[in-house]
């Protein structure tokens, strides 16, 4: 049974930074052999993909809205994926969810809330 546990959300002022973490656990689930992604969903909005990290370590799929501000990375030893978010804006306010794909199966975490306020 795989488990994705997000953390690191919170309240931050515009221009600030947060780093989200997604700790992966479960037999055979290693972040370096999974396709890992971060999504976000604001109230009343569709879920949006914000970053993907391939098993080969390539970070892709940043939408224009976050490109240059968000960076996905991983720590293989900690079996954890991160989303570094800099220069945060009001419109980044959302619940952020971790996603893992292995073979044909998709797994989700419970999410962590990010609120950008002034």
PDB file of N, CA and C in Angstrom:
ATOM      1  N   UNK A   1       0.849  -1.182   0.000  1.00  0.00           N
ATOM      2  CA  UNK A   1       0.000   0.000   0.000  1.00  0.00           C
ATOM      3  C   UNK A   1       0.886   1.234   0.000  1.00  0.00           C
ATOM      4  N   UNK A   2       0.709   2.103  -0.975  1.00  0.00           N
ATOM      5  CA  UNK A   2       1.506   3.318  -1.056  1.00  0.00           C
ATOM      6  C   UNK A   2       0.809   4.428  -0.280  1.00  0.00           C
ATOM      7  N   UNK A   3       1.621   5.281   0.299  1.00  0.00           N
ATOM      8  CA  UNK A   3       1.086   6.447   1.003  1.00  0.00           C
ATOM      9  C   UNK A   3       1.884   7.670   0.590  1.00  0.00           C
ATOM     10  N   UNK A   4       1.164   8.729   0.233  1.00  0.00           N
ATOM     11  CA  UNK A   4       1.789  10.004  -0.099  1.00  0.00           C
ATOM     12  C   UNK A   4       1.373  11.000   0.962  1.00  0.00           C
ATOM     13  N   UNK A   5       2.334  11.589   1.658  1.00  0.00           N
ATOM     14  CA  UNK A   5       2.034  12.499   2.760  1.00  0.00           C
ATOM     15  C   UNK A   5       2.636  13.862   2.464  1.00  0.00           C
ATOM     16  N   UNK A   6       1.766  14.827   2.163  1.00  0.00           N
ATOM     17  CA  UNK A   6       2.233  16.181   1.892  1.00  0.00           C
ATOM     18  C   UNK A   6       2.375  16.974   3.186  1.00  0.00           C
ATOM     19  N   UNK A   7       3.275  17.930   3.165  1.00  0.00           N
ATOM     20  CA  UNK A   7       3.450  18.858   4.277  1.00  0.00           C
ATOM     21  C   UNK A   7       4.104  20.123   3.752  1.00  0.00           C
ATOM     22  N   UNK A   8       4.129  21.153   4.588  1.00  0.00           N
ATOM     23  CA  UNK A   8       4.827  22.372   4.227  1.00  0.00           C
ATOM     24  C   UNK A   8       3.942  23.518   3.806  1.00  0.00           C
ATOM     25  N   UNK A   9       2.647  23.277   3.684  1.00  0.00           N
ATOM     26  CA  UNK A   9       1.747  24.360   3.331  1.00  0.00           C
ATOM     27  C   UNK A   9       1.597  25.348   4.476  1.00  0.00           C
ATOM     28  N   UNK A  10       0.929  26.449   4.172  1.00  0.00           N
ATOM     29  CA  UNK A  10       0.709  27.448   5.204  1.00  0.00           C
ATOM     30  C   UNK A  10       0.313  28.776   4.606  1.00  0.00           C
ATOM     31  N   UNK A  11       0.454  29.801   5.424  1.00  0.00           N
ATOM     32  CA  UNK A  11       0.135  31.162   5.023  1.00  0.00           C
ATOM     33  C   UNK A  11       1.439  31.901   4.716  1.00  0.00           C
ATOM     34  N   UNK A  12       1.413  32.681   3.642  1.00  0.00           N
ATOM     35  CA  UNK A  12       2.605  33.432   3.258  1.00  0.00           C
ATOM     36  C   UNK A  12       2.171  34.697   2.541  1.00  0.00           C
ATOM     37  N   UNK A  13       2.975  35.734   2.677  1.00  0.00           N
ATOM     38  CA  UNK A  13       2.664  36.984   1.995  1.00  0.00           C
ATOM     39  C   UNK A  13       3.138  36.925   0.551  1.00  0.00           C
ATOM     40  N   UNK A  14       2.570  37.749  -0.315  1.00  0.00           N
ATOM     41  CA  UNK A  14       3.033  37.787  -1.710  1.00  0.00           C
ATOM     42  C   UNK A  14       4.536  38.059  -1.765  1.00  0.00           C
ATOM     43  N   UNK A  15       5.190  37.357  -2.662  1.00  0.00           N
ATOM     44  CA  UNK A  15       6.643  37.470  -2.772  1.00  0.00           C
ATOM     45  C   UNK A  15       7.403  36.497  -1.913  1.00  0.00           C
ATOM     46  N   UNK A  16       6.706  35.838  -1.013  1.00  0.00           N
ATOM     47  CA  UNK A  16       7.357  34.888  -0.115  1.00  0.00           C
ATOM     48  C   UNK A  16       7.571  33.534  -0.762  1.00  0.00           C
ATOM     49  N   UNK A  17       8.125  32.632   0.026  1.00  0.00           N
ATOM     50  CA  UNK A  17       8.460  31.295  -0.463  1.00  0.00           C
ATOM     51  C   UNK A  17       7.940  30.240   0.495  1.00  0.00           C
ATOM     52  N   UNK A  18       7.661  29.085  -0.067  1.00  0.00           N
ATOM     53  CA  UNK A  18       7.330  27.901   0.702  1.00  0.00           C
ATOM     54  C   UNK A  18       7.954  26.702   0.002  1.00  0.00           C
ATOM     55  N   UNK A  19       8.263  25.684   0.776  1.00  0.00           N
ATOM     56  CA  UNK A  19       8.692  24.416   0.185  1.00  0.00           C
ATOM     57  C   UNK A  19       7.763  23.321   0.680  1.00  0.00           C
ATOM     58  N   UNK A  20       7.084  22.709  -0.268  1.00  0.00           N
ATOM     59  CA  UNK A  20       6.205  21.587   0.033  1.00  0.00           C
ATOM     60  C   UNK A  20       6.983  20.287  -0.065  1.00  0.00           C
ATOM     61  N   UNK A  21       6.589  19.344   0.781  1.00  0.00           N
ATOM     62  CA  UNK A  21       7.206  18.025   0.760  1.00  0.00           C
ATOM     63  C   UNK A  21       6.142  16.962   0.541  1.00  0.00           C
ATOM     64  N   UNK A  22       6.531  15.903  -0.130  1.00  0.00           N
ATOM     65  CA  UNK A  22       5.664  14.742  -0.319  1.00  0.00           C
ATOM     66  C   UNK A  22       6.488  13.505   0.016  1.00  0.00           C
ATOM     67  N   UNK A  23       6.243  12.955   1.168  1.00  0.00           N
ATOM     68  CA  UNK A  23       6.953  11.753   1.597  1.00  0.00           C
ATOM     69  C   UNK A  23       6.204  10.527   1.093  1.00  0.00           C
ATOM     70  N   UNK A  24       6.928   9.661   0.429  1.00  0.00           N
ATOM     71  CA  UNK A  24       6.339   8.459  -0.171  1.00  0.00           C
ATOM     72  C   UNK A  24       6.733   7.244   0.658  1.00  0.00           C
ATOM     73  N   UNK A  25       5.760   6.415   0.959  1.00  0.00           N
ATOM     74  CA  UNK A  25       6.046   5.177   1.675  1.00  0.00           C
ATOM     75  C   UNK A  25       5.227   4.049   1.074  1.00  0.00           C
ATOM     76  N   UNK A  26       5.728   2.838   1.264  1.00  0.00           N
ATOM     77  CA  UNK A  26       5.054   1.674   0.714  1.00  0.00           C
ATOM     78  C   UNK A  26       6.048   0.774   0.036  1.00  0.00           C
ATOM     79  N   UNK A  27       5.838  -0.508   0.115  1.00  0.00           N
ATOM     80  CA  UNK A  27       6.801  -1.460  -0.454  1.00  0.00           C
ATOM     81  C   UNK A  27       6.944  -1.289  -1.954  1.00  0.00           C
ATOM     82  N   UNK A  28       8.164  -1.107  -2.395  1.00  0.00           N
ATOM     83  CA  UNK A  28       8.447  -1.001  -3.815  1.00  0.00           C
ATOM     84  C   UNK A  28       8.222   0.370  -4.408  1.00  0.00           C
ATOM     85  N   UNK A  29       7.811   1.330  -3.610  1.00  0.00           N
ATOM     86  CA  UNK A  29       7.546   2.668  -4.122  1.00  0.00           C
ATOM     87  C   UNK A  29       8.705   3.582  -3.770  1.00  0.00           C
ATOM     88  N   UNK A  30       9.563   3.781  -4.739  1.00  0.00           N
ATOM     89  CA  UNK A  30      10.697   4.669  -4.599  1.00  0.00           C
ATOM     90  C   UNK A  30      10.520   5.834  -5.553  1.00  0.00           C
ATOM     91  N   UNK A  31      10.811   7.037  -5.086  1.00  0.00           N
ATOM     92  CA  UNK A  31      10.541   8.216  -5.909  1.00  0.00           C
ATOM     93  C   UNK A  31      11.373   8.210  -7.188  1.00  0.00           C
ATOM     94  N   UNK A  32      12.474   7.477  -7.193  1.00  0.00           N
ATOM     95  CA  UNK A  32      13.300   7.475  -8.399  1.00  0.00           C
ATOM     96  C   UNK A  32      12.842   6.439  -9.425  1.00  0.00           C
ATOM     97  N   UNK A  33      11.756   5.727  -9.135  1.00  0.00           N
ATOM     98  CA  UNK A  33      11.168   4.880 -10.170  1.00  0.00           C
ATOM     99  C   UNK A  33       9.681   5.180 -10.371  1.00  0.00           C
ATOM    100  N   UNK A  34       9.261   6.338  -9.902  1.00  0.00           N
ATOM    101  CA  UNK A  34       7.900   6.812 -10.092  1.00  0.00           C
ATOM    102  C   UNK A  34       7.903   8.105 -10.902  1.00  0.00           C
ATOM    103  N   UNK A  35       6.819   8.368 -11.595  1.00  0.00           N
ATOM    104  CA  UNK A  35       6.585   9.690 -12.150  1.00  0.00           C
ATOM    105  C   UNK A  35       5.834  10.471 -11.082  1.00  0.00           C
ATOM    106  N   UNK A  36       6.464  11.500 -10.569  1.00  0.00           N
ATOM    107  CA  UNK A  36       5.902  12.269  -9.463  1.00  0.00           C
ATOM    108  C   UNK A  36       5.485  13.646  -9.950  1.00  0.00           C
ATOM    109  N   UNK A  37       4.337  14.083  -9.511  1.00  0.00           N
ATOM    110  CA  UNK A  37       3.825  15.389  -9.920  1.00  0.00           C
ATOM    111  C   UNK A  37       3.203  16.115  -8.741  1.00  0.00           C
ATOM    112  N   UNK A  38       3.157  17.418  -8.882  1.00  0.00           N
ATOM    113  CA  UNK A  38       2.382  18.267  -7.987  1.00  0.00           C
ATOM    114  C   UNK A  38       1.248  18.874  -8.807  1.00  0.00           C
ATOM    115  N   UNK A  39       0.074  18.850  -8.213  1.00  0.00           N
ATOM    116  CA  UNK A  39      -1.093  19.512  -8.766  1.00  0.00           C
ATOM    117  C   UNK A  39      -1.592  20.525  -7.733  1.00  0.00           C
ATOM    118  N   UNK A  40      -2.453  21.406  -8.201  1.00  0.00           N
ATOM    119  CA  UNK A  40      -3.122  22.301  -7.260  1.00  0.00           C
ATOM    120  C   UNK A  40      -4.566  22.501  -7.697  1.00  0.00           C
ATOM    121  N   UNK A  41      -5.377  22.807  -6.702  1.00  0.00           N
ATOM    122  CA  UNK A  41      -6.788  23.052  -6.986  1.00  0.00           C
ATOM    123  C   UNK A  41      -7.298  24.136  -6.059  1.00  0.00           C
ATOM    124  N   UNK A  42      -7.777  25.199  -6.658  1.00  0.00           N
ATOM    125  CA  UNK A  42      -8.396  26.289  -5.908  1.00  0.00           C
ATOM    126  C   UNK A  42      -9.898  26.062  -5.881  1.00  0.00           C
ATOM    127  N   UNK A  43     -10.594  26.632  -4.910  1.00  0.00           N
ATOM    128  CA  UNK A  43     -12.048  26.448  -4.833  1.00  0.00           C
ATOM    129  C   UNK A  43     -12.743  26.856  -6.125  1.00  0.00           C
ATOM    130  N   UNK A  44     -13.579  25.984  -6.638  1.00  0.00           N
ATOM    131  CA  UNK A  44     -14.320  26.277  -7.846  1.00  0.00           C
ATOM    132  C   UNK A  44     -13.515  26.179  -9.124  1.00  0.00           C
ATOM    133  N   UNK A  45     -12.279  25.755  -9.003  1.00  0.00           N
ATOM    134  CA  UNK A  45     -11.407  25.660 -10.184  1.00  0.00           C
ATOM    135  C   UNK A  45     -11.064  24.207 -10.493  1.00  0.00           C
ATOM    136  N   UNK A  46     -10.632  23.987 -11.726  1.00  0.00           N
ATOM    137  CA  UNK A  46     -10.174  22.654 -12.116  1.00  0.00           C
ATOM    138  C   UNK A  46      -8.808  22.372 -11.501  1.00  0.00           C
ATOM    139  N   UNK A  47      -8.538  21.106 -11.284  1.00  0.00           N
ATOM    140  CA  UNK A  47      -7.216  20.715 -10.800  1.00  0.00           C
ATOM    141  C   UNK A  47      -6.191  20.999 -11.888  1.00  0.00           C
ATOM    142  N   UNK A  48      -5.085  21.597 -11.502  1.00  0.00           N
ATOM    143  CA  UNK A  48      -4.061  22.043 -12.454  1.00  0.00           C
ATOM    144  C   UNK A  48      -2.731  21.374 -12.150  1.00  0.00           C
ATOM    145  N   UNK A  49      -2.101  20.842 -13.161  1.00  0.00           N
ATOM    146  CA  UNK A  49      -0.763  20.280 -13.023  1.00  0.00           C
ATOM    147  C   UNK A  49       0.239  21.432 -12.940  1.00  0.00           C
ATOM    148  N   UNK A  50       1.124  21.404 -11.942  1.00  0.00           N
ATOM    149  CA  UNK A  50       2.113  22.479 -11.820  1.00  0.00           C
ATOM    150  C   UNK A  50       3.548  22.002 -12.015  1.00  0.00           C
ATOM    151  N   UNK A  51       3.805  20.711 -11.894  1.00  0.00           N
ATOM    152  CA  UNK A  51       5.166  20.238 -12.128  1.00  0.00           C
ATOM    153  C   UNK A  51       5.200  18.718 -12.125  1.00  0.00           C
ATOM    154  N   UNK A  52       6.088  18.160 -12.924  1.00  0.00           N
ATOM    155  CA  UNK A  52       6.297  16.713 -12.970  1.00  0.00           C
ATOM    156  C   UNK A  52       7.790  16.428 -12.910  1.00  0.00           C
ATOM    157  N   UNK A  53       8.137  15.373 -12.199  1.00  0.00           N
ATOM    158  CA  UNK A  53       9.519  14.906 -12.151  1.00  0.00           C
ATOM    159  C   UNK A  53       9.535  13.461 -12.634  1.00  0.00           C
ATOM    160  N   UNK A  54      10.271  13.234 -13.714  1.00  0.00           N
ATOM    161  CA  UNK A  54      10.309  11.894 -14.290  1.00  0.00           C
ATOM    162  C   UNK A  54      11.249  10.995 -13.490  1.00  0.00           C
ATOM    163  N   UNK A  55      11.117   9.678 -13.661  1.00  0.00           N
ATOM    164  CA  UNK A  55      12.063   8.791 -12.976  1.00  0.00           C
ATOM    165  C   UNK A  55      13.511   9.107 -13.323  1.00  0.00           C
ATOM    166  N   UNK A  56      13.740   9.579 -14.530  1.00  0.00           N
ATOM    167  CA  UNK A  56      15.101   9.929 -14.931  1.00  0.00           C
ATOM    168  C   UNK A  56      15.594  11.233 -14.341  1.00  0.00           C
ATOM    169  N   UNK A  57      14.708  11.938 -13.605  1.00  0.00           N
ATOM    170  CA  UNK A  57      15.141  13.158 -12.935  1.00  0.00           C
ATOM    171  C   UNK A  57      14.905  14.436 -13.711  1.00  0.00           C
ATOM    172  N   UNK A  58      14.126  14.349 -14.765  1.00  0.00           N
ATOM    173  CA  UNK A  58      13.834  15.549 -15.551  1.00  0.00           C
ATOM    174  C   UNK A  58      12.567  16.218 -15.002  1.00  0.00           C
ATOM    175  N   UNK A  59      12.662  17.516 -14.768  1.00  0.00           N
ATOM    176  CA  UNK A  59      11.490  18.253 -14.288  1.00  0.00           C
ATOM    177  C   UNK A  59      10.817  18.921 -15.481  1.00  0.00           C
ATOM    178  N   UNK A  60       9.567  18.630 -15.619  1.00  0.00           N
ATOM    179  CA  UNK A  60       8.835  19.068 -16.807  1.00  0.00           C
ATOM    180  C   UNK A  60       7.435  19.515 -16.409  1.00  0.00           C
ATOM    181  N   UNK A  61       6.710  19.992 -17.412  1.00  0.00           N
ATOM    182  CA  UNK A  61       5.284  20.279 -17.274  1.00  0.00           C
ATOM    183  C   UNK A  61       4.964  21.485 -16.420  1.00  0.00           C
ATOM    184  N   UNK A  62       5.898  22.414 -16.280  1.00  0.00           N
ATOM    185  CA  UNK A  62       5.555  23.640 -15.568  1.00  0.00           C
ATOM    186  C   UNK A  62       4.659  24.500 -16.463  1.00  0.00           C
ATOM    187  N   UNK A  63       3.468  24.879 -15.991  1.00  0.00           N
ATOM    188  CA  UNK A  63       2.673  25.806 -16.787  1.00  0.00           C
ATOM    189  C   UNK A  63       3.298  27.206 -16.738  1.00  0.00           C
ATOM    190  N   UNK A  64       2.922  28.026 -17.671  1.00  0.00           N
ATOM    191  CA  UNK A  64       3.488  29.383 -17.729  1.00  0.00           C
ATOM    192  C   UNK A  64       3.245  30.152 -16.439  1.00  0.00           C
ATOM    193  N   UNK A  65       2.153  29.816 -15.765  1.00  0.00           N
ATOM    194  CA  UNK A  65       1.797  30.557 -14.564  1.00  0.00           C
ATOM    195  C   UNK A  65       2.806  30.368 -13.423  1.00  0.00           C
ATOM    196  N   UNK A  66       3.583  29.271 -13.454  1.00  0.00           N
ATOM    197  CA  UNK A  66       4.533  29.026 -12.364  1.00  0.00           C
ATOM    198  C   UNK A  66       5.969  28.902 -12.876  1.00  0.00           C
ATOM    199  N   UNK A  67       6.161  28.868 -14.168  1.00  0.00           N
ATOM    200  CA  UNK A  67       7.502  28.665 -14.728  1.00  0.00           C
ATOM    201  C   UNK A  67       8.450  29.742 -14.241  1.00  0.00           C
ATOM    202  N   UNK A  68       9.608  29.311 -13.792  1.00  0.00           N
ATOM    203  CA  UNK A  68      10.596  30.243 -13.272  1.00  0.00           C
ATOM    204  C   UNK A  68      10.442  30.553 -11.801  1.00  0.00           C
ATOM    205  N   UNK A  69       9.307  30.148 -11.213  1.00  0.00           N
ATOM    206  CA  UNK A  69       9.067  30.400  -9.792  1.00  0.00           C
ATOM    207  C   UNK A  69       8.995  29.106  -8.976  1.00  0.00           C
ATOM    208  N   UNK A  70       8.520  28.039  -9.585  1.00  0.00           N
ATOM    209  CA  UNK A  70       8.360  26.751  -8.900  1.00  0.00           C
ATOM    210  C   UNK A  70       9.403  25.773  -9.431  1.00  0.00           C
ATOM    211  N   UNK A  71       9.905  24.934  -8.525  1.00  0.00           N
ATOM    212  CA  UNK A  71      10.867  23.906  -8.911  1.00  0.00           C
ATOM    213  C   UNK A  71      10.552  22.617  -8.173  1.00  0.00           C
ATOM    214  N   UNK A  72      10.421  21.534  -8.925  1.00  0.00           N
ATOM    215  CA  UNK A  72      10.209  20.216  -8.333  1.00  0.00           C
ATOM    216  C   UNK A  72      11.553  19.506  -8.239  1.00  0.00           C
ATOM    217  N   UNK A  73      11.750  18.786  -7.150  1.00  0.00           N
ATOM    218  CA  UNK A  73      12.993  18.043  -6.960  1.00  0.00           C
ATOM    219  C   UNK A  73      12.705  16.852  -6.063  1.00  0.00           C
ATOM    220  N   UNK A  74      13.716  16.038  -5.845  1.00  0.00           N
ATOM    221  CA  UNK A  74      13.503  14.880  -4.975  1.00  0.00           C
ATOM    222  C   UNK A  74      14.774  14.568  -4.200  1.00  0.00           C
ATOM    223  N   UNK A  75      14.586  13.872  -3.107  1.00  0.00           N
ATOM    224  CA  UNK A  75      15.684  13.342  -2.303  1.00  0.00           C
ATOM    225  C   UNK A  75      15.481  11.838  -2.246  1.00  0.00           C
ATOM    226  N   UNK A  76      16.285  11.117  -2.997  1.00  0.00           N
ATOM    227  CA  UNK A  76      16.097   9.670  -3.081  1.00  0.00           C
ATOM    228  C   UNK A  76      16.297   8.993  -1.718  1.00  0.00           C
ATOM    229  N   UNK A  77      17.238   9.491  -0.939  1.00  0.00           N
ATOM    230  CA  UNK A  77      17.510   8.877   0.360  1.00  0.00           C
ATOM    231  C   UNK A  77      16.318   9.016   1.301  1.00  0.00           C
ATOM    232  N   UNK A  78      15.625  10.144   1.208  1.00  0.00           N
ATOM    233  CA  UNK A  78      14.457  10.378   2.061  1.00  0.00           C
ATOM    234  C   UNK A  78      13.161   9.924   1.404  1.00  0.00           C
ATOM    235  N   UNK A  79      13.274   9.470   0.139  1.00  0.00           N
ATOM    236  CA  UNK A  79      12.088   9.051  -0.615  1.00  0.00           C
ATOM    237  C   UNK A  79      11.009  10.123  -0.581  1.00  0.00           C
ATOM    238  N   UNK A  80      11.438  11.344  -0.858  1.00  0.00           N
ATOM    239  CA  UNK A  80      10.585  12.520  -0.742  1.00  0.00           C
ATOM    240  C   UNK A  80      10.752  13.401  -1.973  1.00  0.00           C
ATOM    241  N   UNK A  81       9.636  13.965  -2.399  1.00  0.00           N
ATOM    242  CA  UNK A  81       9.625  14.923  -3.506  1.00  0.00           C
ATOM    243  C   UNK A  81       9.250  16.287  -2.931  1.00  0.00           C
ATOM    244  N   UNK A  82       9.859  17.322  -3.495  1.00  0.00           N
ATOM    245  CA  UNK A  82       9.641  18.677  -3.005  1.00  0.00           C
ATOM    246  C   UNK A  82       9.081  19.567  -4.104  1.00  0.00           C
ATOM    247  N   UNK A  83       8.412  20.619  -3.703  1.00  0.00           N
ATOM    248  CA  UNK A  83       8.031  21.696  -4.612  1.00  0.00           C
ATOM    249  C   UNK A  83       8.460  23.001  -3.952  1.00  0.00           C
ATOM    250  N   UNK A  84       9.520  23.588  -4.483  1.00  0.00           N
ATOM    251  CA  UNK A  84       9.975  24.886  -4.005  1.00  0.00           C
ATOM    252  C   UNK A  84       9.193  25.951  -4.743  1.00  0.00           C
ATOM    253  N   UNK A  85       8.540  26.810  -3.987  1.00  0.00           N
ATOM    254  CA  UNK A  85       7.697  27.849  -4.569  1.00  0.00           C
ATOM    255  C   UNK A  85       8.224  29.204  -4.118  1.00  0.00           C
ATOM    256  N   UNK A  86       8.661  29.981  -5.061  1.00  0.00           N
ATOM    257  CA  UNK A  86       9.208  31.319  -4.790  1.00  0.00           C
ATOM    258  C   UNK A  86       8.338  32.385  -5.445  1.00  0.00           C
ATOM    259  N   UNK A  87       8.525  33.611  -4.989  1.00  0.00           N
ATOM    260  CA  UNK A  87       7.790  34.746  -5.557  1.00  0.00           C
ATOM    261  C   UNK A  87       6.297  34.447  -5.629  1.00  0.00           C
ATOM    262  N   UNK A  88       5.750  33.967  -4.524  1.00  0.00           N
ATOM    263  CA  UNK A  88       4.351  33.539  -4.516  1.00  0.00           C
ATOM    264  C   UNK A  88       3.409  34.708  -4.745  1.00  0.00           C
ATOM    265  N   UNK A  89       2.306  34.392  -5.403  1.00  0.00           N
ATOM    266  CA  UNK A  89       1.296  35.374  -5.753  1.00  0.00           C
ATOM    267  C   UNK A  89      -0.044  34.952  -5.155  1.00  0.00           C
ATOM    268  N   UNK A  90      -0.966  35.908  -5.076  1.00  0.00           N
ATOM    269  CA  UNK A  90      -2.302  35.584  -4.570  1.00  0.00           C
ATOM    270  C   UNK A  90      -2.903  34.402  -5.337  1.00  0.00           C
ATOM    271  N   UNK A  91      -2.687  34.388  -6.638  1.00  0.00           N
ATOM    272  CA  UNK A  91      -3.314  33.356  -7.474  1.00  0.00           C
ATOM    273  C   UNK A  91      -2.709  31.975  -7.283  1.00  0.00           C
ATOM    274  N   UNK A  92      -1.655  31.876  -6.490  1.00  0.00           N
ATOM    275  CA  UNK A  92      -1.095  30.563  -6.158  1.00  0.00           C
ATOM    276  C   UNK A  92      -1.844  29.903  -5.005  1.00  0.00           C
ATOM    277  N   UNK A  93      -2.769  30.636  -4.406  1.00  0.00           N
ATOM    278  CA  UNK A  93      -3.559  30.077  -3.302  1.00  0.00           C
ATOM    279  C   UNK A  93      -4.367  28.882  -3.798  1.00  0.00           C
ATOM    280  N   UNK A  94      -4.169  27.735  -3.149  1.00  0.00           N
ATOM    281  CA  UNK A  94      -4.834  26.499  -3.571  1.00  0.00           C
ATOM    282  C   UNK A  94      -4.446  25.383  -2.609  1.00  0.00           C
ATOM    283  N   UNK A  95      -5.150  24.268  -2.754  1.00  0.00           N
ATOM    284  CA  UNK A  95      -4.678  23.045  -2.126  1.00  0.00           C
ATOM    285  C   UNK A  95      -3.722  22.369  -3.104  1.00  0.00           C
ATOM    286  N   UNK A  96      -2.570  21.986  -2.591  1.00  0.00           N
ATOM    287  CA  UNK A  96      -1.548  21.358  -3.415  1.00  0.00           C
ATOM    288  C   UNK A  96      -1.506  19.871  -3.097  1.00  0.00           C
ATOM    289  N   UNK A  97      -1.551  19.076  -4.170  1.00  0.00           N
ATOM    290  CA  UNK A  97      -1.627  17.629  -4.021  1.00  0.00           C
ATOM    291  C   UNK A  97      -0.465  16.950  -4.724  1.00  0.00           C
ATOM    292  N   UNK A  98       0.035  15.933  -4.066  1.00  0.00           N
ATOM    293  CA  UNK A  98       1.112  15.120  -4.615  1.00  0.00           C
ATOM    294  C   UNK A  98       0.501  13.932  -5.360  1.00  0.00           C
ATOM    295  N   UNK A  99       1.113  13.594  -6.471  1.00  0.00           N
ATOM    296  CA  UNK A  99       0.606  12.522  -7.339  1.00  0.00           C
ATOM    297  C   UNK A  99       1.761  11.618  -7.729  1.00  0.00           C
ATOM    298  N   UNK A 100       1.503  10.330  -7.725  1.00  0.00           N
ATOM    299  CA  UNK A 100       2.503   9.355  -8.166  1.00  0.00           C
ATOM    300  C   UNK A 100       1.876   8.424  -9.187  1.00  0.00           C
ATOM    301  N   UNK A 101       2.632   8.119 -10.222  1.00  0.00           N
ATOM    302  CA  UNK A 101       2.194   7.155 -11.225  1.00  0.00           C
ATOM    303  C   UNK A 101       3.211   6.021 -11.277  1.00  0.00           C
ATOM    304  N   UNK A 102       2.692   4.807 -11.122  1.00  0.00           N
ATOM    305  CA  UNK A 102       3.515   3.609 -11.271  1.00  0.00           C
ATOM    306  C   UNK A 102       2.757   2.630 -12.149  1.00  0.00           C
ATOM    307  N   UNK A 103       3.403   2.257 -13.222  1.00  0.00           N
ATOM    308  CA  UNK A 103       2.750   1.413 -14.225  1.00  0.00           C
ATOM    309  C   UNK A 103       1.492   2.129 -14.696  1.00  0.00           C
ATOM    310  N   UNK A 104       0.337   1.534 -14.519  1.00  0.00           N
ATOM    311  CA  UNK A 104      -0.910   2.148 -14.984  1.00  0.00           C
ATOM    312  C   UNK A 104      -1.726   2.709 -13.834  1.00  0.00           C
ATOM    313  N   UNK A 105      -1.113   2.745 -12.643  1.00  0.00           N
ATOM    314  CA  UNK A 105      -1.854   3.172 -11.463  1.00  0.00           C
ATOM    315  C   UNK A 105      -1.430   4.575 -11.026  1.00  0.00           C
ATOM    316  N   UNK A 106      -2.423   5.321 -10.558  1.00  0.00           N
ATOM    317  CA  UNK A 106      -2.211   6.684 -10.084  1.00  0.00           C
ATOM    318  C   UNK A 106      -2.575   6.770  -8.621  1.00  0.00           C
ATOM    319  N   UNK A 107      -1.748   7.470  -7.858  1.00  0.00           N
ATOM    320  CA  UNK A 107      -1.952   7.605  -6.425  1.00  0.00           C
ATOM    321  C   UNK A 107      -1.915   9.083  -6.045  1.00  0.00           C
ATOM    322  N   UNK A 108      -2.717   9.434  -5.054  1.00  0.00           N
ATOM    323  CA  UNK A 108      -2.824  10.819  -4.606  1.00  0.00           C
ATOM    324  C   UNK A 108      -2.606  10.918  -3.103  1.00  0.00           C
ATOM    325  N   UNK A 109      -2.037  12.044  -2.700  1.00  0.00           N
ATOM    326  CA  UNK A 109      -2.002  12.385  -1.297  1.00  0.00           C
ATOM    327  C   UNK A 109      -3.256  13.156  -0.921  1.00  0.00           C
ATOM    328  N   UNK A 110      -3.318  13.556   0.350  1.00  0.00           N
ATOM    329  CA  UNK A 110      -4.489  14.271   0.851  1.00  0.00           C
ATOM    330  C   UNK A 110      -4.427  15.769   0.567  1.00  0.00           C
ATOM    331  N   UNK A 111      -3.229  16.270   0.310  1.00  0.00           N
ATOM    332  CA  UNK A 111      -3.086  17.676  -0.013  1.00  0.00           C
ATOM    333  C   UNK A 111      -2.631  18.526   1.160  1.00  0.00           C
ATOM    334  N   UNK A 112      -2.078  19.672   0.808  1.00  0.00           N
ATOM    335  CA  UNK A 112      -1.673  20.660   1.810  1.00  0.00           C
ATOM    336  C   UNK A 112      -2.074  22.037   1.287  1.00  0.00           C
ATOM    337  N   UNK A 113      -2.637  22.851   2.154  1.00  0.00           N
ATOM    338  CA  UNK A 113      -3.174  24.141   1.743  1.00  0.00           C
ATOM    339  C   UNK A 113      -2.098  25.213   1.731  1.00  0.00           C
ATOM    340  N   UNK A 114      -2.081  25.986   0.660  1.00  0.00           N
ATOM    341  CA  UNK A 114      -1.201  27.155   0.554  1.00  0.00           C
ATOM    342  C   UNK A 114      -2.082  28.376   0.382  1.00  0.00           C
ATOM    343  N   UNK A 115      -1.899  29.357   1.235  1.00  0.00           N
ATOM    344  CA  UNK A 115      -2.673  30.582   1.163  1.00  0.00           C
ATOM    345  C   UNK A 115      -1.715  31.767   1.109  1.00  0.00           C
ATOM    346  N   UNK A 116      -1.832  32.544   0.040  1.00  0.00           N
ATOM    347  CA  UNK A 116      -1.007  33.742  -0.138  1.00  0.00           C
ATOM    348  C   UNK A 116      -1.891  34.940   0.157  1.00  0.00           C
ATOM    349  N   UNK A 117      -1.519  35.711   1.159  1.00  0.00           N
ATOM    350  CA  UNK A 117      -2.364  36.813   1.602  1.00  0.00           C
ATOM    351  C   UNK A 117      -1.526  38.056   1.820  1.00  0.00           C
ATOM    352  N   UNK A 118      -2.198  39.194   1.802  1.00  0.00           N
ATOM    353  CA  UNK A 118      -1.518  40.460   2.097  1.00  0.00           C
ATOM    354  C   UNK A 118      -2.369  41.301   3.027  1.00  0.00           C
TER     355      UNK A 118
END
